[in-house]
Amino acid sequence: MARVIAFFPNKERIGEAVDSLRKAGFDRKDMVISDSSPDPDEEELDGAINLKTEPEALGEEHTYNSYLYEWVKEGMVTLAVELPAREKGWVADILRRHGAEKIIFD
């Protein structure tokens, strides 16, 4: 299994992306949405970026964490999708069509 993490400017765009992914056969339980308030405090930011990459889960430092922190701090909403690795490309295309501004493959 792999994961695609997409960053959207607002919740409305994520809703559209989730609808398209469900129509494409994905289950909502394979998706995680995370956001923060317009003026988040440090504790809220820590919760909003609790999307660990596989190397981080194994205790390795990874550069994604600093990017995640900054993008969520800017108010972006994240959508993470668990999927077979062979499907990453076309799923990323769906996410981009619905306004994803940044995408990370994990």
PDB file of N, CA and C in Angstrom:
ATOM      1  N   MET A   1       0.844  -1.192   0.000  1.00  0.00           N
ATOM      2  CA  MET A   1       0.000   0.000   0.000  1.00  0.00           C
ATOM      3  C   MET A   1       0.883   1.247   0.000  1.00  0.00           C
ATOM      4  N   ALA A   2       0.335   2.294  -0.562  1.00  0.00           N
ATOM      5  CA  ALA A   2       1.022   3.577  -0.630  1.00  0.00           C
ATOM      6  C   ALA A   2       0.050   4.648  -0.136  1.00  0.00           C
ATOM      7  N   ARG A   3       0.529   5.864  -0.145  1.00  0.00           N
ATOM      8  CA  ARG A   3      -0.323   6.969   0.287  1.00  0.00           C
ATOM      9  C   ARG A   3      -0.017   8.197  -0.558  1.00  0.00           C
ATOM     10  N   VAL A   4      -1.081   8.928  -0.883  1.00  0.00           N
ATOM     11  CA  VAL A   4      -0.971  10.219  -1.543  1.00  0.00           C
ATOM     12  C   VAL A   4      -1.512  11.232  -0.548  1.00  0.00           C
ATOM     13  N   ILE A   5      -0.732  12.277  -0.265  1.00  0.00           N
ATOM     14  CA  ILE A   5      -1.172  13.342   0.639  1.00  0.00           C
ATOM     15  C   ILE A   5      -1.284  14.607  -0.188  1.00  0.00           C
ATOM     16  N   ALA A   6      -2.493  15.168  -0.242  1.00  0.00           N
ATOM     17  CA  ALA A   6      -2.744  16.368  -1.040  1.00  0.00           C
ATOM     18  C   ALA A   6      -3.123  17.528  -0.127  1.00  0.00           C
ATOM     19  N   PHE A   7      -2.690  18.722  -0.511  1.00  0.00           N
ATOM     20  CA  PHE A   7      -2.953  19.943   0.259  1.00  0.00           C
ATOM     21  C   PHE A   7      -3.870  20.851  -0.545  1.00  0.00           C
ATOM     22  N   PHE A   8      -5.009  21.204   0.049  1.00  0.00           N
ATOM     23  CA  PHE A   8      -6.024  22.020  -0.600  1.00  0.00           C
ATOM     24  C   PHE A   8      -6.177  23.354   0.123  1.00  0.00           C
ATOM     25  N   PRO A   9      -6.613  24.397  -0.592  1.00  0.00           N
ATOM     26  CA  PRO A   9      -6.784  25.698   0.046  1.00  0.00           C
ATOM     27  C   PRO A   9      -8.004  25.773   0.965  1.00  0.00           C
ATOM     28  N   ASN A  10      -9.005  24.882   0.770  1.00  0.00           N
ATOM     29  CA  ASN A  10     -10.201  24.934   1.611  1.00  0.00           C
ATOM     30  C   ASN A  10     -10.937  23.596   1.622  1.00  0.00           C
ATOM     31  N   LYS A  11     -11.885  23.466   2.551  1.00  0.00           N
ATOM     32  CA  LYS A  11     -12.628  22.216   2.729  1.00  0.00           C
ATOM     33  C   LYS A  11     -13.552  21.898   1.557  1.00  0.00           C
ATOM     34  N   GLU A  12     -14.088  22.929   0.910  1.00  0.00           N
ATOM     35  CA  GLU A  12     -15.016  22.702  -0.193  1.00  0.00           C
ATOM     36  C   GLU A  12     -14.341  21.910  -1.305  1.00  0.00           C
ATOM     37  N   ARG A  13     -13.099  22.265  -1.613  1.00  0.00           N
ATOM     38  CA  ARG A  13     -12.380  21.561  -2.682  1.00  0.00           C
ATOM     39  C   ARG A  13     -12.122  20.110  -2.291  1.00  0.00           C
ATOM     40  N   ILE A  14     -11.857  19.873  -1.018  1.00  0.00           N
ATOM     41  CA  ILE A  14     -11.633  18.498  -0.564  1.00  0.00           C
ATOM     42  C   ILE A  14     -12.913  17.684  -0.698  1.00  0.00           C
ATOM     43  N   GLY A  15     -14.046  18.291  -0.375  1.00  0.00           N
ATOM     44  CA  GLY A  15     -15.321  17.583  -0.501  1.00  0.00           C
ATOM     45  C   GLY A  15     -15.547  17.089  -1.924  1.00  0.00           C
ATOM     46  N   GLU A  16     -15.228  17.934  -2.894  1.00  0.00           N
ATOM     47  CA  GLU A  16     -15.370  17.556  -4.301  1.00  0.00           C
ATOM     48  C   GLU A  16     -14.415  16.405  -4.643  1.00  0.00           C
ATOM     49  N   ALA A  17     -13.192  16.478  -4.137  1.00  0.00           N
ATOM     50  CA  ALA A  17     -12.204  15.430  -4.407  1.00  0.00           C
ATOM     51  C   ALA A  17     -12.641  14.101  -3.791  1.00  0.00           C
ATOM     52  N   VAL A  18     -13.150  14.144  -2.559  1.00  0.00           N
ATOM     53  CA  VAL A  18     -13.624  12.928  -1.890  1.00  0.00           C
ATOM     54  C   VAL A  18     -14.765  12.311  -2.692  1.00  0.00           C
ATOM     55  N   ASP A  19     -15.700  13.134  -3.167  1.00  0.00           N
ATOM     56  CA  ASP A  19     -16.811  12.617  -3.973  1.00  0.00           C
ATOM     57  C   ASP A  19     -16.295  11.904  -5.223  1.00  0.00           C
ATOM     58  N   SER A  20     -15.322  12.513  -5.901  1.00  0.00           N
ATOM     59  CA  SER A  20     -14.763  11.898  -7.114  1.00  0.00           C
ATOM     60  C   SER A  20     -14.039  10.593  -6.799  1.00  0.00           C
ATOM     61  N   LEU A  21     -13.292  10.571  -5.692  1.00  0.00           N
ATOM     62  CA  LEU A  21     -12.590   9.345  -5.316  1.00  0.00           C
ATOM     63  C   LEU A  21     -13.574   8.227  -4.972  1.00  0.00           C
ATOM     64  N   ARG A  22     -14.656   8.579  -4.306  1.00  0.00           N
ATOM     65  CA  ARG A  22     -15.671   7.565  -3.976  1.00  0.00           C
ATOM     66  C   ARG A  22     -16.318   7.028  -5.244  1.00  0.00           C
ATOM     67  N   LYS A  23     -16.597   7.912  -6.211  1.00  0.00           N
ATOM     68  CA  LYS A  23     -17.168   7.466  -7.486  1.00  0.00           C
ATOM     69  C   LYS A  23     -16.189   6.568  -8.243  1.00  0.00           C
ATOM     70  N   ALA A  24     -14.887   6.775  -8.011  1.00  0.00           N
ATOM     71  CA  ALA A  24     -13.855   5.962  -8.658  1.00  0.00           C
ATOM     72  C   ALA A  24     -13.627   4.632  -7.938  1.00  0.00           C
ATOM     73  N   GLY A  25     -14.353   4.408  -6.823  1.00  0.00           N
ATOM     74  CA  GLY A  25     -14.273   3.118  -6.139  1.00  0.00           C
ATOM     75  C   GLY A  25     -13.539   3.107  -4.816  1.00  0.00           C
ATOM     76  N   PHE A  26     -13.071   4.267  -4.339  1.00  0.00           N
ATOM     77  CA  PHE A  26     -12.379   4.309  -3.055  1.00  0.00           C
ATOM     78  C   PHE A  26     -13.378   4.404  -1.919  1.00  0.00           C
ATOM     79  N   ASP A  27     -13.044   3.793  -0.800  1.00  0.00           N
ATOM     80  CA  ASP A  27     -13.874   3.832   0.397  1.00  0.00           C
ATOM     81  C   ASP A  27     -13.455   5.027   1.241  1.00  0.00           C
ATOM     82  N   ARG A  28     -14.404   5.692   1.854  1.00  0.00           N
ATOM     83  CA  ARG A  28     -14.107   6.859   2.695  1.00  0.00           C
ATOM     84  C   ARG A  28     -13.166   6.504   3.835  1.00  0.00           C
ATOM     85  N   LYS A  29     -13.198   5.254   4.305  1.00  0.00           N
ATOM     86  CA  LYS A  29     -12.317   4.854   5.414  1.00  0.00           C
ATOM     87  C   LYS A  29     -10.840   4.839   5.011  1.00  0.00           C
ATOM     88  N   ASP A  30     -10.563   4.903   3.704  1.00  0.00           N
ATOM     89  CA  ASP A  30      -9.185   4.948   3.221  1.00  0.00           C
ATOM     90  C   ASP A  30      -8.676   6.380   3.081  1.00  0.00           C
ATOM     91  N   MET A  31      -9.479   7.336   3.522  1.00  0.00           N
ATOM     92  CA  MET A  31      -9.121   8.751   3.401  1.00  0.00           C
ATOM     93  C   MET A  31      -9.086   9.408   4.778  1.00  0.00           C
ATOM     94  N   VAL A  32      -8.106  10.287   4.991  1.00  0.00           N
ATOM     95  CA  VAL A  32      -8.002  11.051   6.231  1.00  0.00           C
ATOM     96  C   VAL A  32      -7.942  12.526   5.862  1.00  0.00           C
ATOM     97  N   ILE A  33      -8.840  13.310   6.459  1.00  0.00           N
ATOM     98  CA  ILE A  33      -8.864  14.753   6.229  1.00  0.00           C
ATOM     99  C   ILE A  33      -8.418  15.437   7.508  1.00  0.00           C
ATOM    100  N   SER A  34      -7.534  16.411   7.372  1.00  0.00           N
ATOM    101  CA  SER A  34      -7.007  17.120   8.537  1.00  0.00           C
ATOM    102  C   SER A  34      -6.920  18.602   8.210  1.00  0.00           C
ATOM    103  N   ASP A  35      -7.368  19.437   9.145  1.00  0.00           N
ATOM    104  CA  ASP A  35      -7.268  20.878   8.928  1.00  0.00           C
ATOM    105  C   ASP A  35      -7.057  21.580  10.266  1.00  0.00           C
ATOM    106  N   SER A  36      -6.872  22.889  10.202  1.00  0.00           N
ATOM    107  CA  SER A  36      -6.718  23.691  11.412  1.00  0.00           C
ATOM    108  C   SER A  36      -7.573  24.943  11.267  1.00  0.00           C
ATOM    109  N   SER A  37      -7.786  25.641  12.353  1.00  0.00           N
ATOM    110  CA  SER A  37      -8.574  26.872  12.315  1.00  0.00           C
ATOM    111  C   SER A  37      -7.773  27.968  11.614  1.00  0.00           C
ATOM    112  N   PRO A  38      -8.414  29.107  11.261  1.00  0.00           N
ATOM    113  CA  PRO A  38      -7.685  30.171  10.585  1.00  0.00           C
ATOM    114  C   PRO A  38      -6.488  30.710  11.362  1.00  0.00           C
ATOM    115  N   ASP A  39      -6.516  30.627  12.692  1.00  0.00           N
ATOM    116  CA  ASP A  39      -5.400  31.110  13.491  1.00  0.00           C
ATOM    117  C   ASP A  39      -5.016  30.029  14.510  1.00  0.00           C
ATOM    118  N   PRO A  40      -4.397  28.950  14.035  1.00  0.00           N
ATOM    119  CA  PRO A  40      -4.142  27.806  14.927  1.00  0.00           C
ATOM    120  C   PRO A  40      -3.054  28.082  15.951  1.00  0.00           C
ATOM    121  N   ASP A  41      -3.196  27.432  17.124  1.00  0.00           N
ATOM    122  CA  ASP A  41      -2.112  27.509  18.102  1.00  0.00           C
ATOM    123  C   ASP A  41      -1.196  26.303  17.877  1.00  0.00           C
ATOM    124  N   GLU A  42      -0.089  26.268  18.577  1.00  0.00           N
ATOM    125  CA  GLU A  42       0.912  25.203  18.369  1.00  0.00           C
ATOM    126  C   GLU A  42       0.337  23.807  18.605  1.00  0.00           C
ATOM    127  N   GLU A  43      -0.491  23.658  19.642  1.00  0.00           N
ATOM    128  CA  GLU A  43      -1.055  22.348  19.952  1.00  0.00           C
ATOM    129  C   GLU A  43      -1.964  21.873  18.825  1.00  0.00           C
ATOM    130  N   GLU A  44      -2.772  22.785  18.276  1.00  0.00           N
ATOM    131  CA  GLU A  44      -3.664  22.418  17.183  1.00  0.00           C
ATOM    132  C   GLU A  44      -2.861  22.040  15.941  1.00  0.00           C
ATOM    133  N   LEU A  45      -1.791  22.777  15.666  1.00  0.00           N
ATOM    134  CA  LEU A  45      -0.947  22.464  14.512  1.00  0.00           C
ATOM    135  C   LEU A  45      -0.328  21.090  14.659  1.00  0.00           C
ATOM    136  N   ASP A  46       0.120  20.750  15.852  1.00  0.00           N
ATOM    137  CA  ASP A  46       0.719  19.433  16.058  1.00  0.00           C
ATOM    138  C   ASP A  46      -0.287  18.333  15.748  1.00  0.00           C
ATOM    139  N   GLY A  47      -1.548  18.531  16.122  1.00  0.00           N
ATOM    140  CA  GLY A  47      -2.580  17.540  15.829  1.00  0.00           C
ATOM    141  C   GLY A  47      -2.918  17.490  14.358  1.00  0.00           C
ATOM    142  N   ALA A  48      -2.910  18.638  13.692  1.00  0.00           N
ATOM    143  CA  ALA A  48      -3.294  18.702  12.289  1.00  0.00           C
ATOM    144  C   ALA A  48      -2.260  18.074  11.374  1.00  0.00           C
ATOM    145  N   ILE A  49      -1.023  17.996  11.819  1.00  0.00           N
ATOM    146  CA  ILE A  49      -0.004  17.421  10.937  1.00  0.00           C
ATOM    147  C   ILE A  49       0.440  16.046  11.405  1.00  0.00           C
ATOM    148  N   ASN A  50      -0.424  15.375  12.109  1.00  0.00           N
ATOM    149  CA  ASN A  50      -0.084  14.043  12.597  1.00  0.00           C
ATOM    150  C   ASN A  50      -0.295  12.999  11.495  1.00  0.00           C
ATOM    151  N   LEU A  51       0.307  13.236  10.331  1.00  0.00           N
ATOM    152  CA  LEU A  51       0.279  12.301   9.220  1.00  0.00           C
ATOM    153  C   LEU A  51       1.702  11.786   9.052  1.00  0.00           C
ATOM    154  N   LYS A  52       2.016  10.705   9.717  1.00  0.00           N
ATOM    155  CA  LYS A  52       3.387  10.198   9.685  1.00  0.00           C
ATOM    156  C   LYS A  52       3.663   9.453   8.388  1.00  0.00           C
ATOM    157  N   THR A  53       4.829   9.717   7.831  1.00  0.00           N
ATOM    158  CA  THR A  53       5.271   8.941   6.687  1.00  0.00           C
ATOM    159  C   THR A  53       5.830   7.627   7.207  1.00  0.00           C
ATOM    160  N   GLU A  54       5.986   6.647   6.338  1.00  0.00           N
ATOM    161  CA  GLU A  54       6.498   5.344   6.777  1.00  0.00           C
ATOM    162  C   GLU A  54       7.864   5.458   7.445  1.00  0.00           C
ATOM    163  N   PRO A  55       8.839   6.213   6.887  1.00  0.00           N
ATOM    164  CA  PRO A  55      10.132   6.333   7.582  1.00  0.00           C
ATOM    165  C   PRO A  55       9.986   6.951   8.971  1.00  0.00           C
ATOM    166  N   GLU A  56       9.064   7.919   9.131  1.00  0.00           N
ATOM    167  CA  GLU A  56       8.862   8.538  10.445  1.00  0.00           C
ATOM    168  C   GLU A  56       8.265   7.543  11.421  1.00  0.00           C
ATOM    169  N   ALA A  57       7.373   6.691  10.943  1.00  0.00           N
ATOM    170  CA  ALA A  57       6.766   5.685  11.813  1.00  0.00           C
ATOM    171  C   ALA A  57       7.830   4.716  12.323  1.00  0.00           C
ATOM    172  N   LEU A  58       8.894   4.565  11.555  1.00  0.00           N
ATOM    173  CA  LEU A  58       9.986   3.686  11.970  1.00  0.00           C
ATOM    174  C   LEU A  58      11.039   4.427  12.789  1.00  0.00           C
ATOM    175  N   GLY A  59      10.774   5.701  13.094  1.00  0.00           N
ATOM    176  CA  GLY A  59      11.680   6.468  13.938  1.00  0.00           C
ATOM    177  C   GLY A  59      12.720   7.274  13.183  1.00  0.00           C
ATOM    178  N   GLU A  60      12.641   7.304  11.865  1.00  0.00           N
ATOM    179  CA  GLU A  60      13.606   8.061  11.080  1.00  0.00           C
ATOM    180  C   GLU A  60      13.112   9.492  10.870  1.00  0.00           C
ATOM    181  N   GLU A  61      14.033  10.438  10.906  1.00  0.00           N
ATOM    182  CA  GLU A  61      13.669  11.826  10.631  1.00  0.00           C
ATOM    183  C   GLU A  61      13.376  11.955   9.144  1.00  0.00           C
ATOM    184  N   HIS A  62      12.441  12.799   8.795  1.00  0.00           N
ATOM    185  CA  HIS A  62      12.117  12.993   7.391  1.00  0.00           C
ATOM    186  C   HIS A  62      11.784  14.455   7.141  1.00  0.00           C
ATOM    187  N   THR A  63      12.119  14.954   5.964  1.00  0.00           N
ATOM    188  CA  THR A  63      11.921  16.367   5.664  1.00  0.00           C
ATOM    189  C   THR A  63      10.454  16.742   5.463  1.00  0.00           C
ATOM    190  N   TYR A  64       9.571  15.772   5.213  1.00  0.00           N
ATOM    191  CA  TYR A  64       8.170  16.103   5.000  1.00  0.00           C
ATOM    192  C   TYR A  64       7.575  16.853   6.175  1.00  0.00           C
ATOM    193  N   ASN A  65       7.985  16.511   7.390  1.00  0.00           N
ATOM    194  CA  ASN A  65       7.378  17.126   8.562  1.00  0.00           C
ATOM    195  C   ASN A  65       7.465  18.643   8.546  1.00  0.00           C
ATOM    196  N   SER A  66       8.597  19.201   8.147  1.00  0.00           N
ATOM    197  CA  SER A  66       8.711  20.651   8.119  1.00  0.00           C
ATOM    198  C   SER A  66       7.799  21.240   7.054  1.00  0.00           C
ATOM    199  N   TYR A  67       7.660  20.574   5.898  1.00  0.00           N
ATOM    200  CA  TYR A  67       6.743  21.055   4.867  1.00  0.00           C
ATOM    201  C   TYR A  67       5.304  20.984   5.361  1.00  0.00           C
ATOM    202  N   LEU A  68       4.937  19.846   5.949  1.00  0.00           N
ATOM    203  CA  LEU A  68       3.579  19.684   6.458  1.00  0.00           C
ATOM    204  C   LEU A  68       3.234  20.788   7.443  1.00  0.00           C
ATOM    205  N   TYR A  69       4.134  21.053   8.355  1.00  0.00           N
ATOM    206  CA  TYR A  69       3.905  22.072   9.372  1.00  0.00           C
ATOM    207  C   TYR A  69       3.648  23.434   8.731  1.00  0.00           C
ATOM    208  N   GLU A  70       4.480  23.824   7.783  1.00  0.00           N
ATOM    209  CA  GLU A  70       4.330  25.133   7.138  1.00  0.00           C
ATOM    210  C   GLU A  70       3.047  25.219   6.319  1.00  0.00           C
ATOM    211  N   TRP A  71       2.722  24.167   5.571  1.00  0.00           N
ATOM    212  CA  TRP A  71       1.528  24.208   4.738  1.00  0.00           C
ATOM    213  C   TRP A  71       0.263  24.243   5.578  1.00  0.00           C
ATOM    214  N   VAL A  72       0.220  23.472   6.650  1.00  0.00           N
ATOM    215  CA  VAL A  72      -0.958  23.504   7.525  1.00  0.00           C
ATOM    216  C   VAL A  72      -1.029  24.843   8.241  1.00  0.00           C
ATOM    217  N   LYS A  73       0.114  25.388   8.636  1.00  0.00           N
ATOM    218  CA  LYS A  73       0.151  26.695   9.291  1.00  0.00           C
ATOM    219  C   LYS A  73      -0.412  27.773   8.354  1.00  0.00           C
ATOM    220  N   GLU A  74      -0.209  27.602   7.044  1.00  0.00           N
ATOM    221  CA  GLU A  74      -0.758  28.536   6.064  1.00  0.00           C
ATOM    222  C   GLU A  74      -2.268  28.372   5.912  1.00  0.00           C
ATOM    223  N   GLY A  75      -2.847  27.367   6.567  1.00  0.00           N
ATOM    224  CA  GLY A  75      -4.285  27.162   6.511  1.00  0.00           C
ATOM    225  C   GLY A  75      -4.736  26.122   5.506  1.00  0.00           C
ATOM    226  N   MET A  76      -3.797  25.410   4.906  1.00  0.00           N
ATOM    227  CA  MET A  76      -4.176  24.392   3.934  1.00  0.00           C
ATOM    228  C   MET A  76      -4.801  23.196   4.646  1.00  0.00           C
ATOM    229  N   VAL A  77      -5.711  22.527   3.948  1.00  0.00           N
ATOM    230  CA  VAL A  77      -6.393  21.345   4.459  1.00  0.00           C
ATOM    231  C   VAL A  77      -5.790  20.136   3.741  1.00  0.00           C
ATOM    232  N   THR A  78      -5.527  19.068   4.479  1.00  0.00           N
ATOM    233  CA  THR A  78      -4.896  17.901   3.867  1.00  0.00           C
ATOM    234  C   THR A  78      -5.885  16.755   3.683  1.00  0.00           C
ATOM    235  N   LEU A  79      -5.652  16.015   2.619  1.00  0.00           N
ATOM    236  CA  LEU A  79      -6.395  14.784   2.350  1.00  0.00           C
ATOM    237  C   LEU A  79      -5.362  13.707   2.059  1.00  0.00           C
ATOM    238  N   ALA A  80      -5.326  12.686   2.889  1.00  0.00           N
ATOM    239  CA  ALA A  80      -4.423  11.557   2.680  1.00  0.00           C
ATOM    240  C   ALA A  80      -5.255  10.365   2.232  1.00  0.00           C
ATOM    241  N   VAL A  81      -4.786   9.674   1.186  1.00  0.00           N
ATOM    242  CA  VAL A  81      -5.510   8.531   0.637  1.00  0.00           C
ATOM    243  C   VAL A  81      -4.590   7.317   0.631  1.00  0.00           C
ATOM    244  N   GLU A  82      -5.026   6.233   1.272  1.00  0.00           N
ATOM    245  CA  GLU A  82      -4.304   4.959   1.242  1.00  0.00           C
ATOM    246  C   GLU A  82      -4.757   4.208  -0.006  1.00  0.00           C
ATOM    247  N   LEU A  83      -3.784   3.700  -0.786  1.00  0.00           N
ATOM    248  CA  LEU A  83      -4.128   3.062  -2.038  1.00  0.00           C
ATOM    249  C   LEU A  83      -3.001   2.154  -2.509  1.00  0.00           C
ATOM    250  N   PRO A  84      -3.293   1.246  -3.430  1.00  0.00           N
ATOM    251  CA  PRO A  84      -2.218   0.447  -4.019  1.00  0.00           C
ATOM    252  C   PRO A  84      -1.253   1.371  -4.770  1.00  0.00           C
ATOM    253  N   ALA A  85       0.030   1.093  -4.702  1.00  0.00           N
ATOM    254  CA  ALA A  85       1.044   1.967  -5.292  1.00  0.00           C
ATOM    255  C   ALA A  85       0.809   2.220  -6.775  1.00  0.00           C
ATOM    256  N   ARG A  86       0.298   1.254  -7.489  1.00  0.00           N
ATOM    257  CA  ARG A  86       0.105   1.413  -8.929  1.00  0.00           C
ATOM    258  C   ARG A  86      -0.970   2.456  -9.273  1.00  0.00           C
ATOM    259  N   GLU A  87      -1.768   2.882  -8.297  1.00  0.00           N
ATOM    260  CA  GLU A  87      -2.855   3.825  -8.541  1.00  0.00           C
ATOM    261  C   GLU A  87      -2.506   5.262  -8.184  1.00  0.00           C
ATOM    262  N   LYS A  88      -1.281   5.499  -7.715  1.00  0.00           N
ATOM    263  CA  LYS A  88      -0.907   6.848  -7.258  1.00  0.00           C
ATOM    264  C   LYS A  88      -1.056   7.911  -8.344  1.00  0.00           C
ATOM    265  N   GLY A  89      -0.646   7.604  -9.554  1.00  0.00           N
ATOM    266  CA  GLY A  89      -0.645   8.593 -10.623  1.00  0.00           C
ATOM    267  C   GLY A  89      -2.015   9.127 -10.976  1.00  0.00           C
ATOM    268  N   TRP A  90      -2.963   8.240 -11.233  1.00  0.00           N
ATOM    269  CA  TRP A  90      -4.281   8.721 -11.636  1.00  0.00           C
ATOM    270  C   TRP A  90      -5.059   9.322 -10.465  1.00  0.00           C
ATOM    271  N   VAL A  91      -4.793   8.859  -9.258  1.00  0.00           N
ATOM    272  CA  VAL A  91      -5.433   9.476  -8.085  1.00  0.00           C
ATOM    273  C   VAL A  91      -4.901  10.892  -7.895  1.00  0.00           C
ATOM    274  N   ALA A  92      -3.592  11.083  -8.064  1.00  0.00           N
ATOM    275  CA  ALA A  92      -3.014  12.428  -7.973  1.00  0.00           C
ATOM    276  C   ALA A  92      -3.627  13.346  -9.027  1.00  0.00           C
ATOM    277  N   ASP A  93      -3.902  12.813 -10.228  1.00  0.00           N
ATOM    278  CA  ASP A  93      -4.554  13.611 -11.272  1.00  0.00           C
ATOM    279  C   ASP A  93      -5.939  14.074 -10.828  1.00  0.00           C
ATOM    280  N   ILE A  94      -6.700  13.174 -10.212  1.00  0.00           N
ATOM    281  CA  ILE A  94      -8.033  13.543  -9.690  1.00  0.00           C
ATOM    282  C   ILE A  94      -7.900  14.653  -8.660  1.00  0.00           C
ATOM    283  N   LEU A  95      -6.945  14.504  -7.742  1.00  0.00           N
ATOM    284  CA  LEU A  95      -6.760  15.497  -6.679  1.00  0.00           C
ATOM    285  C   LEU A  95      -6.356  16.849  -7.261  1.00  0.00           C
ATOM    286  N   ARG A  96      -5.489  16.853  -8.254  1.00  0.00           N
ATOM    287  CA  ARG A  96      -5.086  18.114  -8.895  1.00  0.00           C
ATOM    288  C   ARG A  96      -6.265  18.778  -9.599  1.00  0.00           C
ATOM    289  N   ARG A  97      -7.092  17.979 -10.278  1.00  0.00           N
ATOM    290  CA  ARG A  97      -8.271  18.534 -10.971  1.00  0.00           C
ATOM    291  C   ARG A  97      -9.217  19.226 -10.001  1.00  0.00           C
ATOM    292  N   HIS A  98      -9.208  18.780  -8.753  1.00  0.00           N
ATOM    293  CA  HIS A  98     -10.094  19.377  -7.756  1.00  0.00           C
ATOM    294  C   HIS A  98      -9.409  20.432  -6.897  1.00  0.00           C
ATOM    295  N   GLY A  99      -8.238  20.875  -7.315  1.00  0.00           N
ATOM    296  CA  GLY A  99      -7.614  22.015  -6.659  1.00  0.00           C
ATOM    297  C   GLY A  99      -6.478  21.737  -5.685  1.00  0.00           C
ATOM    298  N   ALA A 100      -5.969  20.510  -5.630  1.00  0.00           N
ATOM    299  CA  ALA A 100      -4.833  20.243  -4.759  1.00  0.00           C
ATOM    300  C   ALA A 100      -3.660  21.093  -5.229  1.00  0.00           C
ATOM    301  N   GLU A 101      -3.084  21.847  -4.309  1.00  0.00           N
ATOM    302  CA  GLU A 101      -1.966  22.736  -4.661  1.00  0.00           C
ATOM    303  C   GLU A 101      -0.613  22.077  -4.475  1.00  0.00           C
ATOM    304  N   LYS A 102      -0.550  21.098  -3.585  1.00  0.00           N
ATOM    305  CA  LYS A 102       0.692  20.373  -3.337  1.00  0.00           C
ATOM    306  C   LYS A 102       0.340  18.907  -3.121  1.00  0.00           C
ATOM    307  N   ILE A 103       1.181  18.009  -3.620  1.00  0.00           N
ATOM    308  CA  ILE A 103       0.952  16.584  -3.442  1.00  0.00           C
ATOM    309  C   ILE A 103       2.251  15.907  -3.054  1.00  0.00           C
ATOM    310  N   ILE A 104       2.161  15.031  -2.055  1.00  0.00           N
ATOM    311  CA  ILE A 104       3.314  14.245  -1.591  1.00  0.00           C
ATOM    312  C   ILE A 104       2.948  12.775  -1.785  1.00  0.00           C
ATOM    313  N   PHE A 105       3.893  12.005  -2.314  1.00  0.00           N
ATOM    314  CA  PHE A 105       3.714  10.555  -2.449  1.00  0.00           C
ATOM    315  C   PHE A 105       4.511   9.881  -1.347  1.00  0.00           C
ATOM    316  N   ASP A 106       3.868   8.996  -0.614  1.00  0.00           N
ATOM    317  CA  ASP A 106       4.520   8.299   0.488  1.00  0.00           C
ATOM    318  C   ASP A 106       4.389   6.805   0.277  1.00  0.00           C
TER     319      ASP A 106
END
